[in-house]
Amino acid sequence: MLLTEERNISLKPPMNKILCSSVAYNGTAVLIRMDQPNQKETLVHLNDKGEILWERTYNDVIDVFV
């Protein structure tokens, strides 16, 4: 079994469009947020409280993350 727990994260600040998300180490999460359609996407690392730890905006479309 891959997942053994379920967690809700309240995003701070709220985000309008999330393209994909994944769990990360120590209860954190990583997601790709769309800032401007077909123009800018942001890779965001969140703590377990939904606060942004790190983010990086790209002018290109981010297809996947590992």
N, C-alpha and C. Protein backbone atom coordinates (compact mmCIF):
# COMPACT_ATOMS: atom_id res chain seq x y z
N MET A 1 0.85 -1.17 0.00
CA MET A 1 0.00 0.00 0.00
C MET A 1 0.90 1.24 0.00
N LEU A 2 0.63 2.16 -0.92
CA LEU A 2 1.46 3.35 -1.02
C LEU A 2 1.07 4.43 -0.02
N LEU A 3 -0.21 4.72 0.10
CA LEU A 3 -0.65 5.77 1.01
C LEU A 3 -1.34 5.16 2.22
N THR A 4 -0.93 5.61 3.40
CA THR A 4 -1.53 5.08 4.61
C THR A 4 -2.25 6.16 5.42
N GLU A 5 -2.22 7.39 4.96
CA GLU A 5 -2.91 8.45 5.69
C GLU A 5 -3.49 9.46 4.71
N GLU A 6 -4.40 10.25 5.21
CA GLU A 6 -5.04 11.29 4.42
C GLU A 6 -4.85 12.61 5.15
N ARG A 7 -4.61 13.69 4.38
CA ARG A 7 -4.35 14.98 5.00
C ARG A 7 -5.00 16.10 4.20
N ASN A 8 -5.59 17.06 4.87
CA ASN A 8 -6.12 18.26 4.22
C ASN A 8 -5.17 19.41 4.52
N ILE A 9 -4.86 20.20 3.49
CA ILE A 9 -3.98 21.36 3.66
C ILE A 9 -4.74 22.60 3.22
N SER A 10 -4.87 23.58 4.11
CA SER A 10 -5.48 24.86 3.76
C SER A 10 -4.40 25.75 3.18
N LEU A 11 -4.57 26.15 1.93
CA LEU A 11 -3.56 26.93 1.24
C LEU A 11 -3.54 28.38 1.72
N LYS A 12 -2.33 28.88 1.99
CA LYS A 12 -2.14 30.26 2.44
C LYS A 12 -1.06 30.91 1.60
N PRO A 13 -1.39 31.75 0.65
CA PRO A 13 -2.69 32.25 0.25
C PRO A 13 -3.42 31.24 -0.63
N PRO A 14 -4.76 31.40 -0.80
CA PRO A 14 -5.50 30.51 -1.70
C PRO A 14 -4.95 30.60 -3.13
N MET A 15 -5.08 29.52 -3.89
CA MET A 15 -4.58 29.48 -5.25
C MET A 15 -5.73 29.13 -6.18
N ASN A 16 -5.86 29.88 -7.27
CA ASN A 16 -7.01 29.72 -8.18
C ASN A 16 -6.96 28.43 -8.98
N LYS A 17 -5.81 28.08 -9.55
CA LYS A 17 -5.74 26.91 -10.45
C LYS A 17 -4.52 26.08 -10.12
N ILE A 18 -4.73 24.87 -9.64
CA ILE A 18 -3.65 23.93 -9.35
C ILE A 18 -3.70 22.84 -10.41
N LEU A 19 -2.59 22.67 -11.13
CA LEU A 19 -2.55 21.71 -12.23
C LEU A 19 -2.25 20.30 -11.76
N CYS A 20 -1.33 20.16 -10.80
CA CYS A 20 -1.03 18.85 -10.24
C CYS A 20 -0.37 19.04 -8.88
N SER A 21 -0.42 18.01 -8.08
CA SER A 21 0.16 18.08 -6.73
C SER A 21 0.69 16.72 -6.34
N SER A 22 1.57 16.72 -5.35
CA SER A 22 2.15 15.48 -4.85
C SER A 22 2.60 15.68 -3.42
N VAL A 23 2.59 14.60 -2.66
CA VAL A 23 3.16 14.66 -1.31
C VAL A 23 4.68 14.70 -1.43
N ALA A 24 5.33 15.23 -0.41
CA ALA A 24 6.79 15.29 -0.37
C ALA A 24 7.24 14.83 1.02
N TYR A 25 8.49 15.02 1.35
CA TYR A 25 9.04 14.54 2.61
C TYR A 25 8.53 15.36 3.81
N ASN A 26 8.56 14.76 4.97
CA ASN A 26 8.18 15.38 6.25
C ASN A 26 6.80 16.04 6.24
N GLY A 27 5.84 15.44 5.57
CA GLY A 27 4.48 15.96 5.57
C GLY A 27 4.26 17.18 4.70
N THR A 28 5.22 17.53 3.85
CA THR A 28 5.07 18.68 2.97
C THR A 28 4.43 18.25 1.65
N ALA A 29 4.17 19.22 0.78
CA ALA A 29 3.57 18.93 -0.52
C ALA A 29 4.20 19.83 -1.58
N VAL A 30 4.13 19.37 -2.82
CA VAL A 30 4.62 20.13 -3.97
C VAL A 30 3.49 20.21 -4.97
N LEU A 31 3.32 21.38 -5.60
CA LEU A 31 2.28 21.52 -6.60
C LEU A 31 2.73 22.47 -7.71
N ILE A 32 2.01 22.40 -8.82
CA ILE A 32 2.22 23.33 -9.91
C ILE A 32 0.97 24.19 -10.00
N ARG A 33 1.17 25.49 -9.90
CA ARG A 33 0.08 26.46 -9.91
C ARG A 33 0.12 27.24 -11.23
N MET A 34 -1.03 27.44 -11.85
CA MET A 34 -1.09 28.24 -13.07
C MET A 34 -1.36 29.69 -12.69
N ASP A 35 -0.44 30.58 -13.05
CA ASP A 35 -0.61 32.00 -12.73
C ASP A 35 -1.27 32.76 -13.88
N GLN A 36 -0.84 32.50 -15.10
CA GLN A 36 -1.42 33.12 -16.29
C GLN A 36 -1.56 32.03 -17.34
N PRO A 37 -2.77 31.76 -17.80
CA PRO A 37 -2.98 30.67 -18.76
C PRO A 37 -2.04 30.75 -19.97
N ASN A 38 -1.40 29.63 -20.26
CA ASN A 38 -0.47 29.49 -21.39
C ASN A 38 0.73 30.42 -21.32
N GLN A 39 1.01 31.01 -20.17
CA GLN A 39 2.14 31.92 -20.06
C GLN A 39 3.06 31.59 -18.88
N LYS A 40 2.50 31.53 -17.69
CA LYS A 40 3.34 31.33 -16.51
C LYS A 40 2.76 30.26 -15.60
N GLU A 41 3.65 29.39 -15.13
CA GLU A 41 3.30 28.39 -14.13
C GLU A 41 4.33 28.45 -13.02
N THR A 42 3.94 28.09 -11.82
CA THR A 42 4.83 28.17 -10.66
C THR A 42 4.90 26.84 -9.95
N LEU A 43 6.10 26.40 -9.66
CA LEU A 43 6.36 25.21 -8.85
C LEU A 43 6.41 25.68 -7.40
N VAL A 44 5.58 25.09 -6.54
CA VAL A 44 5.43 25.56 -5.16
C VAL A 44 5.66 24.40 -4.20
N HIS A 45 6.44 24.64 -3.14
CA HIS A 45 6.66 23.66 -2.07
C HIS A 45 5.99 24.22 -0.82
N LEU A 46 5.07 23.45 -0.23
CA LEU A 46 4.28 23.89 0.93
C LEU A 46 4.61 23.08 2.17
N ASN A 47 4.52 23.72 3.34
CA ASN A 47 4.64 22.95 4.57
C ASN A 47 3.30 22.30 4.90
N ASP A 48 3.22 21.60 6.01
CA ASP A 48 2.00 20.86 6.35
C ASP A 48 0.84 21.77 6.76
N LYS A 49 1.11 23.07 6.93
CA LYS A 49 0.06 24.05 7.26
C LYS A 49 -0.41 24.82 6.03
N GLY A 50 0.14 24.50 4.85
CA GLY A 50 -0.26 25.16 3.62
C GLY A 50 0.50 26.44 3.31
N GLU A 51 1.52 26.74 4.11
CA GLU A 51 2.32 27.95 3.89
C GLU A 51 3.42 27.66 2.89
N ILE A 52 3.71 28.63 2.02
CA ILE A 52 4.71 28.45 0.98
C ILE A 52 6.11 28.48 1.57
N LEU A 53 6.86 27.41 1.32
CA LEU A 53 8.26 27.33 1.75
C LEU A 53 9.19 27.86 0.65
N TRP A 54 8.82 27.55 -0.59
CA TRP A 54 9.66 27.89 -1.74
C TRP A 54 8.79 27.90 -2.97
N GLU A 55 9.06 28.83 -3.89
CA GLU A 55 8.34 28.83 -5.16
C GLU A 55 9.23 29.38 -6.26
N ARG A 56 9.01 28.89 -7.47
CA ARG A 56 9.78 29.33 -8.63
C ARG A 56 8.84 29.41 -9.82
N THR A 57 8.79 30.58 -10.46
CA THR A 57 7.92 30.79 -11.61
C THR A 57 8.68 30.54 -12.90
N TYR A 58 8.01 29.88 -13.83
CA TYR A 58 8.59 29.57 -15.14
C TYR A 58 7.72 30.19 -16.22
N ASN A 59 8.35 30.73 -17.26
CA ASN A 59 7.61 31.30 -18.38
C ASN A 59 7.14 30.23 -19.35
N ASP A 60 7.60 29.02 -19.21
CA ASP A 60 7.21 27.91 -20.06
C ASP A 60 6.26 26.99 -19.30
N VAL A 61 5.58 26.14 -20.03
CA VAL A 61 4.69 25.16 -19.43
C VAL A 61 5.53 24.07 -18.76
N ILE A 62 5.19 23.75 -17.53
CA ILE A 62 5.85 22.66 -16.81
C ILE A 62 5.04 21.41 -17.07
N ASP A 63 5.57 20.46 -17.81
CA ASP A 63 4.81 19.27 -18.16
C ASP A 63 4.68 18.29 -16.99
N VAL A 64 5.77 18.02 -16.31
CA VAL A 64 5.77 17.07 -15.20
C VAL A 64 6.79 17.49 -14.17
N PHE A 65 6.69 16.92 -12.98
CA PHE A 65 7.73 17.08 -11.98
C PHE A 65 7.94 15.75 -11.29
N VAL A 66 9.13 15.57 -10.77
CA VAL A 66 9.48 14.31 -10.13
C VAL A 66 9.84 14.60 -8.68
